[in-house]
Amino acid sequence: MAGHFEPLPGGGAAAPLDEVEISILRSLAVQLLELIGPGEEPVENEDPLAALFSEGPSEPPSDPALARLFPDAYGGPDVVPDDDTHAASAEFRRYTENDLRARKREDALAVVRALDALLPDGRTPTASETATHSPSAPTGPGGAVLRLKPDESRQWLGALNDLRLAIGTRLEVTDEDDGGELLRLPDADPRKPMVMAYLWLGALQESLVETLLPD
């Protein structure tokens, strides 16, 4: 898996993705949506202003991956909060987590929608299409060129970051890990496919960040 993003003239980013990469990305985005959970259905005739200030949970999620996606606003993972810190975190979470969950769902949905829109007729891009619209690398069989507008790039960046946080939590990756130990896992290790996805997502994320940086 070698697809990476390159900037498009006038803004946005593009990446050639083969069929396997498209399938993996879509599957991971769907799993992220399932992890975050479904959105709440709007109540009929509900006051939009009241919905805006509806209260969410006050305690962090019990799932470690979700807790990484929705951390406490105060303190830290290695700090035992005192009563005041815990109360402040609970109050902040109560009024922000619902909106944060909604944003993360929209980011993941943007990934799914963009991938679903790639060549809906199932054809492979022609050589002229690849040369005209894609970064330098060609796509593989069944692949396509993903092209993102600037606002879509930011949504993809959020979703890629959330995926890496969730997968990294499952792999028990720490901030000090440089990936070297993960790469040395034997192929027979059941974690190896998840490790390869984690590292590939990191490369995608890094290349996408570079397209958003000012010249």
C-alpha atoms as a PDB file:
ATOM      1  CA  MET A   1       0.000   0.000   0.000  1.00  0.00           C
ATOM      2  CA  ALA A   2       1.836   3.056  -1.237  1.00  0.00           C
ATOM      3  CA  GLY A   3      -0.906   5.600  -1.984  1.00  0.00           C
ATOM      4  CA  HIS A   4      -0.218   9.083  -0.667  1.00  0.00           C
ATOM      5  CA  PHE A   5      -1.705  12.550  -1.086  1.00  0.00           C
ATOM      6  CA  GLU A   6      -0.315  15.322  -3.253  1.00  0.00           C
ATOM      7  CA  PRO A   7      -1.663  18.873  -3.534  1.00  0.00           C
ATOM      8  CA  LEU A   8      -3.996  19.835  -6.354  1.00  0.00           C
ATOM      9  CA  PRO A   9      -3.699  23.161  -8.198  1.00  0.00           C
ATOM     10  CA  GLY A  10      -6.021  25.658  -6.591  1.00  0.00           C
ATOM     11  CA  GLY A  11      -6.330  23.713  -3.346  1.00  0.00           C
ATOM     12  CA  GLY A  12      -7.337  20.261  -2.251  1.00  0.00           C
ATOM     13  CA  ALA A  13      -5.497  16.965  -2.478  1.00  0.00           C
ATOM     14  CA  ALA A  14      -5.423  13.841  -4.602  1.00  0.00           C
ATOM     15  CA  ALA A  15      -4.239  10.286  -4.082  1.00  0.00           C
ATOM     16  CA  PRO A  16      -4.266   7.224  -6.335  1.00  0.00           C
ATOM     17  CA  LEU A  17      -5.802   4.276  -4.494  1.00  0.00           C
ATOM     18  CA  ASP A  18      -5.975   0.706  -5.672  1.00  0.00           C
ATOM     19  CA  GLU A  19      -8.960  -1.541  -5.069  1.00  0.00           C
ATOM     20  CA  VAL A  20      -7.499  -3.058  -1.894  1.00  0.00           C
ATOM     21  CA  GLU A  21      -6.710   0.353  -0.406  1.00  0.00           C
ATOM     22  CA  ILE A  22     -10.209   1.619  -1.149  1.00  0.00           C
ATOM     23  CA  SER A  23     -11.727  -1.463   0.471  1.00  0.00           C
ATOM     24  CA  ILE A  24      -9.543  -1.216   3.586  1.00  0.00           C
ATOM     25  CA  LEU A  25     -10.165   2.511   4.052  1.00  0.00           C
ATOM     26  CA  ARG A  26     -13.905   2.111   3.667  1.00  0.00           C
ATOM     27  CA  SER A  27     -14.025  -0.825   6.077  1.00  0.00           C
ATOM     28  CA  LEU A  28     -12.010   1.085   8.684  1.00  0.00           C
ATOM     29  CA  ALA A  29     -14.219   4.184   8.331  1.00  0.00           C
ATOM     30  CA  VAL A  30     -17.361   2.075   8.784  1.00  0.00           C
ATOM     31  CA  GLN A  31     -15.852   0.438  11.870  1.00  0.00           C
ATOM     32  CA  LEU A  32     -15.026   3.899  13.218  1.00  0.00           C
ATOM     33  CA  LEU A  33     -18.653   4.936  12.727  1.00  0.00           C
ATOM     34  CA  GLU A  34     -19.779   1.829  14.610  1.00  0.00           C
ATOM     35  CA  LEU A  35     -17.324   2.603  17.422  1.00  0.00           C
ATOM     36  CA  ILE A  36     -18.483   6.210  17.769  1.00  0.00           C
ATOM     37  CA  GLY A  37     -22.112   5.147  17.643  1.00  0.00           C
ATOM     38  CA  PRO A  38     -25.181   6.366  15.754  1.00  0.00           C
ATOM     39  CA  GLY A  39     -26.330   9.933  15.944  1.00  0.00           C
ATOM     40  CA  GLU A  40     -29.428  10.833  17.899  1.00  0.00           C
ATOM     41  CA  GLU A  41     -32.568  11.234  15.792  1.00  0.00           C
ATOM     42  CA  PRO A  42     -33.955  14.786  15.981  1.00  0.00           C
ATOM     43  CA  VAL A  43     -37.084  15.070  18.077  1.00  0.00           C
ATOM     44  CA  GLU A  44     -40.096  16.272  16.121  1.00  0.00           C
ATOM     45  CA  ASN A  45     -40.868  19.955  16.755  1.00  0.00           C
ATOM     46  CA  GLU A  46     -37.870  20.248  19.065  1.00  0.00           C
ATOM     47  CA  ASP A  47     -36.532  23.747  19.590  1.00  0.00           C
ATOM     48  CA  PRO A  48     -33.191  23.895  17.678  1.00  0.00           C
ATOM     49  CA  LEU A  49     -31.730  26.170  20.343  1.00  0.00           C
ATOM     50  CA  ALA A  50     -32.654  23.692  23.084  1.00  0.00           C
ATOM     51  CA  ALA A  51     -31.111  20.867  21.066  1.00  0.00           C
ATOM     52  CA  LEU A  52     -27.906  22.886  20.747  1.00  0.00           C
ATOM     53  CA  PHE A  53     -27.558  23.027  24.522  1.00  0.00           C
ATOM     54  CA  SER A  54     -28.701  19.474  25.250  1.00  0.00           C
ATOM     55  CA  GLU A  55     -26.559  17.735  27.818  1.00  0.00           C
ATOM     56  CA  GLY A  56     -24.309  14.821  27.029  1.00  0.00           C
ATOM     57  CA  PRO A  57     -22.509  12.307  29.264  1.00  0.00           C
ATOM     58  CA  SER A  58     -20.423  13.528  32.171  1.00  0.00           C
ATOM     59  CA  GLU A  59     -18.135  10.489  32.542  1.00  0.00           C
ATOM     60  CA  PRO A  60     -15.539   9.273  30.035  1.00  0.00           C
ATOM     61  CA  PRO A  61     -16.367   6.176  27.940  1.00  0.00           C
ATOM     62  CA  SER A  62     -15.412   2.801  29.389  1.00  0.00           C
ATOM     63  CA  ASP A  63     -13.988   1.580  26.060  1.00  0.00           C
ATOM     64  CA  PRO A  64     -10.276   2.581  25.986  1.00  0.00           C
ATOM     65  CA  ALA A  65     -10.420   3.486  22.284  1.00  0.00           C
ATOM     66  CA  LEU A  66     -13.439   5.742  22.820  1.00  0.00           C
ATOM     67  CA  ALA A  67     -11.784   7.256  25.873  1.00  0.00           C
ATOM     68  CA  ARG A  68      -8.827   8.142  23.637  1.00  0.00           C
ATOM     69  CA  LEU A  69     -11.161   9.752  21.113  1.00  0.00           C
ATOM     70  CA  PHE A  70     -13.051  11.628  23.854  1.00  0.00           C
ATOM     71  CA  PRO A  71     -10.465  12.361  26.560  1.00  0.00           C
ATOM     72  CA  ASP A  72     -11.066  14.424  29.672  1.00  0.00           C
ATOM     73  CA  ALA A  73     -10.450  18.110  29.078  1.00  0.00           C
ATOM     74  CA  TYR A  74      -8.470  18.507  32.289  1.00  0.00           C
ATOM     75  CA  GLY A  75      -5.733  16.402  33.793  1.00  0.00           C
ATOM     76  CA  GLY A  76      -4.199  13.633  31.700  1.00  0.00           C
ATOM     77  CA  PRO A  77      -4.103   9.858  31.174  1.00  0.00           C
ATOM     78  CA  ASP A  78      -1.349   9.418  33.753  1.00  0.00           C
ATOM     79  CA  VAL A  79      -2.780  11.845  36.317  1.00  0.00           C
ATOM     80  CA  VAL A  80      -5.258  10.894  39.018  1.00  0.00           C
ATOM     81  CA  PRO A  81      -7.647  13.868  39.101  1.00  0.00           C
ATOM     82  CA  ASP A  82      -8.699  15.461  42.353  1.00  0.00           C
ATOM     83  CA  ASP A  83     -12.359  16.249  43.005  1.00  0.00           C
ATOM     84  CA  ASP A  84     -12.182  19.739  41.490  1.00  0.00           C
ATOM     85  CA  THR A  85     -10.471  18.504  38.300  1.00  0.00           C
ATOM     86  CA  HIS A  86     -12.940  15.646  37.943  1.00  0.00           C
ATOM     87  CA  ALA A  87     -15.883  18.007  38.371  1.00  0.00           C
ATOM     88  CA  ALA A  88     -14.494  20.457  35.811  1.00  0.00           C
ATOM     89  CA  SER A  89     -13.896  17.644  33.288  1.00  0.00           C
ATOM     90  CA  ALA A  90     -17.395  16.270  33.830  1.00  0.00           C
ATOM     91  CA  GLU A  91     -18.954  19.700  33.308  1.00  0.00           C
ATOM     92  CA  PHE A  92     -16.946  20.328  30.148  1.00  0.00           C
ATOM     93  CA  ARG A  93     -17.770  16.889  28.753  1.00  0.00           C
ATOM     94  CA  ARG A  94     -21.483  17.317  29.453  1.00  0.00           C
ATOM     95  CA  TYR A  95     -21.722  20.285  27.088  1.00  0.00           C
ATOM     96  CA  THR A  96     -19.164  19.341  24.416  1.00  0.00           C
ATOM     97  CA  GLU A  97     -19.117  15.578  23.832  1.00  0.00           C
ATOM     98  CA  ASN A  98     -22.331  15.407  21.800  1.00  0.00           C
ATOM     99  CA  ASP A  99     -21.031  18.005  19.342  1.00  0.00           C
ATOM    100  CA  LEU A 100     -17.626  16.314  19.188  1.00  0.00           C
ATOM    101  CA  ARG A 101     -19.223  12.946  18.462  1.00  0.00           C
ATOM    102  CA  ALA A 102     -21.345  14.508  15.714  1.00  0.00           C
ATOM    103  CA  ARG A 103     -18.269  16.066  14.113  1.00  0.00           C
ATOM    104  CA  LYS A 104     -16.331  12.802  14.238  1.00  0.00           C
ATOM    105  CA  ARG A 105     -19.281  10.969  12.675  1.00  0.00           C
ATOM    106  CA  GLU A 106     -19.423  13.530   9.868  1.00  0.00           C
ATOM    107  CA  ASP A 107     -15.686  13.162   9.248  1.00  0.00           C
ATOM    108  CA  ALA A 108     -15.954   9.369   9.019  1.00  0.00           C
ATOM    109  CA  LEU A 109     -19.052   9.638   6.825  1.00  0.00           C
ATOM    110  CA  ALA A 110     -17.157  11.982   4.498  1.00  0.00           C
ATOM    111  CA  VAL A 111     -14.556   9.250   4.016  1.00  0.00           C
ATOM    112  CA  VAL A 112     -17.186   6.623   3.234  1.00  0.00           C
ATOM    113  CA  ARG A 113     -19.034   8.902   0.827  1.00  0.00           C
ATOM    114  CA  ALA A 114     -15.877   9.920  -1.021  1.00  0.00           C
ATOM    115  CA  LEU A 115     -14.809   6.315  -1.451  1.00  0.00           C
ATOM    116  CA  ASP A 116     -18.296   5.266  -2.575  1.00  0.00           C
ATOM    117  CA  ALA A 117     -18.210   8.002  -5.204  1.00  0.00           C
ATOM    118  CA  LEU A 118     -15.017   6.698  -6.799  1.00  0.00           C
ATOM    119  CA  LEU A 119     -15.841   5.461 -10.283  1.00  0.00           C
ATOM    120  CA  PRO A 120     -19.336   4.181  -9.442  1.00  0.00           C
ATOM    121  CA  ASP A 121     -19.479   2.288 -12.728  1.00  0.00           C
ATOM    122  CA  GLY A 122     -16.613   0.134 -11.516  1.00  0.00           C
ATOM    123  CA  ARG A 123     -14.279   0.911 -14.393  1.00  0.00           C
ATOM    124  CA  THR A 124     -10.523   1.445 -14.111  1.00  0.00           C
ATOM    125  CA  PRO A 125      -9.303   4.978 -14.953  1.00  0.00           C
ATOM    126  CA  THR A 126      -7.741   5.373 -18.367  1.00  0.00           C
ATOM    127  CA  ALA A 127      -4.109   6.344 -18.841  1.00  0.00           C
ATOM    128  CA  SER A 128      -5.109   9.865 -19.892  1.00  0.00           C
ATOM    129  CA  GLU A 129      -7.309  10.307 -16.801  1.00  0.00           C
ATOM    130  CA  THR A 130      -4.511   9.172 -14.546  1.00  0.00           C
ATOM    131  CA  ALA A 131      -2.012  11.510 -16.195  1.00  0.00           C
ATOM    132  CA  THR A 132      -4.397  14.465 -16.108  1.00  0.00           C
ATOM    133  CA  HIS A 133      -5.978  14.196 -12.672  1.00  0.00           C
ATOM    134  CA  SER A 134      -3.773  12.159 -10.384  1.00  0.00           C
ATOM    135  CA  PRO A 135      -0.481  12.445  -8.565  1.00  0.00           C
ATOM    136  CA  SER A 136       2.428  10.766 -10.319  1.00  0.00           C
ATOM    137  CA  ALA A 137       1.745   7.227  -9.085  1.00  0.00           C
ATOM    138  CA  PRO A 138      -0.719   5.178 -11.164  1.00  0.00           C
ATOM    139  CA  THR A 139      -3.574   3.249  -9.673  1.00  0.00           C
ATOM    140  CA  GLY A 140      -3.759  -0.516  -9.679  1.00  0.00           C
ATOM    141  CA  PRO A 141      -6.443  -2.729 -11.163  1.00  0.00           C
ATOM    142  CA  GLY A 142      -9.870  -1.617  -9.998  1.00  0.00           C
ATOM    143  CA  GLY A 143      -8.368   1.518  -8.500  1.00  0.00           C
ATOM    144  CA  ALA A 144      -9.253   5.166  -8.875  1.00  0.00           C
ATOM    145  CA  VAL A 145      -7.979   8.635  -8.138  1.00  0.00           C
ATOM    146  CA  LEU A 146      -9.387  10.195  -4.987  1.00  0.00           C
ATOM    147  CA  ARG A 147      -9.683  13.965  -5.276  1.00  0.00           C
ATOM    148  CA  LEU A 148     -10.624  16.073  -2.268  1.00  0.00           C
ATOM    149  CA  LYS A 149     -11.653  19.701  -1.937  1.00  0.00           C
ATOM    150  CA  PRO A 150      -9.958  21.650   0.882  1.00  0.00           C
ATOM    151  CA  ASP A 151     -12.897  21.210   3.275  1.00  0.00           C
ATOM    152  CA  GLU A 152     -13.033  17.490   2.449  1.00  0.00           C
ATOM    153  CA  SER A 153      -9.290  17.246   3.111  1.00  0.00           C
ATOM    154  CA  ARG A 154      -9.821  18.577   6.621  1.00  0.00           C
ATOM    155  CA  GLN A 155     -12.581  16.027   7.241  1.00  0.00           C
ATOM    156  CA  TRP A 156     -10.356  13.222   5.980  1.00  0.00           C
ATOM    157  CA  LEU A 157      -7.546  14.464   8.197  1.00  0.00           C
ATOM    158  CA  GLY A 158      -9.841  14.293  11.227  1.00  0.00           C
ATOM    159  CA  ALA A 159     -11.038  10.789  10.349  1.00  0.00           C
ATOM    160  CA  LEU A 160      -7.504   9.492   9.676  1.00  0.00           C
ATOM    161  CA  ASN A 161      -6.387  10.871  13.026  1.00  0.00           C
ATOM    162  CA  ASP A 162      -9.332   9.238  14.802  1.00  0.00           C
ATOM    163  CA  LEU A 163      -8.612   5.906  13.114  1.00  0.00           C
ATOM    164  CA  ARG A 164      -4.975   6.000  14.182  1.00  0.00           C
ATOM    165  CA  LEU A 165      -5.922   6.886  17.752  1.00  0.00           C
ATOM    166  CA  ALA A 166      -8.407   4.015  17.923  1.00  0.00           C
ATOM    167  CA  ILE A 167      -6.084   1.458  16.327  1.00  0.00           C
ATOM    168  CA  GLY A 168      -3.111   2.685  18.344  1.00  0.00           C
ATOM    169  CA  THR A 169      -5.111   2.195  21.541  1.00  0.00           C
ATOM    170  CA  ARG A 170      -5.981  -1.372  20.536  1.00  0.00           C
ATOM    171  CA  LEU A 171      -2.276  -1.985  19.825  1.00  0.00           C
ATOM    172  CA  GLU A 172      -1.302  -0.284  23.118  1.00  0.00           C
ATOM    173  CA  VAL A 173       0.892   2.173  21.250  1.00  0.00           C
ATOM    174  CA  THR A 174       2.335   4.938  23.424  1.00  0.00           C
ATOM    175  CA  ASP A 175       3.403   8.438  22.410  1.00  0.00           C
ATOM    176  CA  GLU A 176       7.025   7.321  22.770  1.00  0.00           C
ATOM    177  CA  ASP A 177       6.717   4.474  20.248  1.00  0.00           C
ATOM    178  CA  ASP A 178       8.390   5.196  16.909  1.00  0.00           C
ATOM    179  CA  GLY A 179       6.885   2.230  15.085  1.00  0.00           C
ATOM    180  CA  GLY A 180      10.119   0.259  14.990  1.00  0.00           C
ATOM    181  CA  GLU A 181       8.983  -2.391  17.437  1.00  0.00           C
ATOM    182  CA  LEU A 182       5.681  -2.777  15.604  1.00  0.00           C
ATOM    183  CA  LEU A 183       7.466  -3.297  12.290  1.00  0.00           C
ATOM    184  CA  ARG A 184       9.542  -6.083  13.823  1.00  0.00           C
ATOM    185  CA  LEU A 185       6.487  -8.163  14.694  1.00  0.00           C
ATOM    186  CA  PRO A 186       6.588 -11.532  12.883  1.00  0.00           C
ATOM    187  CA  ASP A 187       4.123 -12.033  10.054  1.00  0.00           C
ATOM    188  CA  ALA A 188       2.423 -14.778  12.075  1.00  0.00           C
ATOM    189  CA  ASP A 189       1.519 -12.307  14.832  1.00  0.00           C
ATOM    190  CA  PRO A 190      -2.264 -11.687  14.694  1.00  0.00           C
ATOM    191  CA  ARG A 191      -1.636  -7.981  15.287  1.00  0.00           C
ATOM    192  CA  LYS A 192       0.446  -7.585  12.113  1.00  0.00           C
ATOM    193  CA  PRO A 193      -2.429  -6.601   9.746  1.00  0.00           C
ATOM    194  CA  MET A 194      -3.587  -3.964  12.242  1.00  0.00           C
ATOM    195  CA  VAL A 195      -0.007  -2.714  12.587  1.00  0.00           C
ATOM    196  CA  MET A 196       0.391  -2.344   8.831  1.00  0.00           C
ATOM    197  CA  ALA A 197      -2.905  -0.453   8.644  1.00  0.00           C
ATOM    198  CA  TYR A 198      -1.805   1.815  11.514  1.00  0.00           C
ATOM    199  CA  LEU A 199       1.497   2.677   9.835  1.00  0.00           C
ATOM    200  CA  TRP A 200      -0.121   3.161   6.418  1.00  0.00           C
ATOM    201  CA  LEU A 201      -2.749   5.493   7.867  1.00  0.00           C
ATOM    202  CA  GLY A 202       0.071   7.469   9.461  1.00  0.00           C
ATOM    203  CA  ALA A 203       1.771   7.906   6.095  1.00  0.00           C
ATOM    204  CA  LEU A 204      -1.516   8.961   4.491  1.00  0.00           C
ATOM    205  CA  GLN A 205      -2.177  11.415   7.293  1.00  0.00           C
ATOM    206  CA  GLU A 206       1.307  12.932   7.059  1.00  0.00           C
ATOM    207  CA  SER A 207       1.089  13.393   3.292  1.00  0.00           C
ATOM    208  CA  LEU A 208      -2.370  14.966   3.626  1.00  0.00           C
ATOM    209  CA  VAL A 209      -1.101  17.412   6.282  1.00  0.00           C
ATOM    210  CA  GLU A 210       1.628  18.504   3.888  1.00  0.00           C
ATOM    211  CA  THR A 211      -0.948  19.381   1.216  1.00  0.00           C
ATOM    212  CA  LEU A 212      -2.694  21.710   3.668  1.00  0.00           C
ATOM    213  CA  LEU A 213       0.458  23.606   4.636  1.00  0.00           C
ATOM    214  CA  PRO A 214       0.944  27.029   3.024  1.00  0.00           C
ATOM    215  CA  ASP A 215       3.611  27.203   0.339  1.00  0.00           C
END
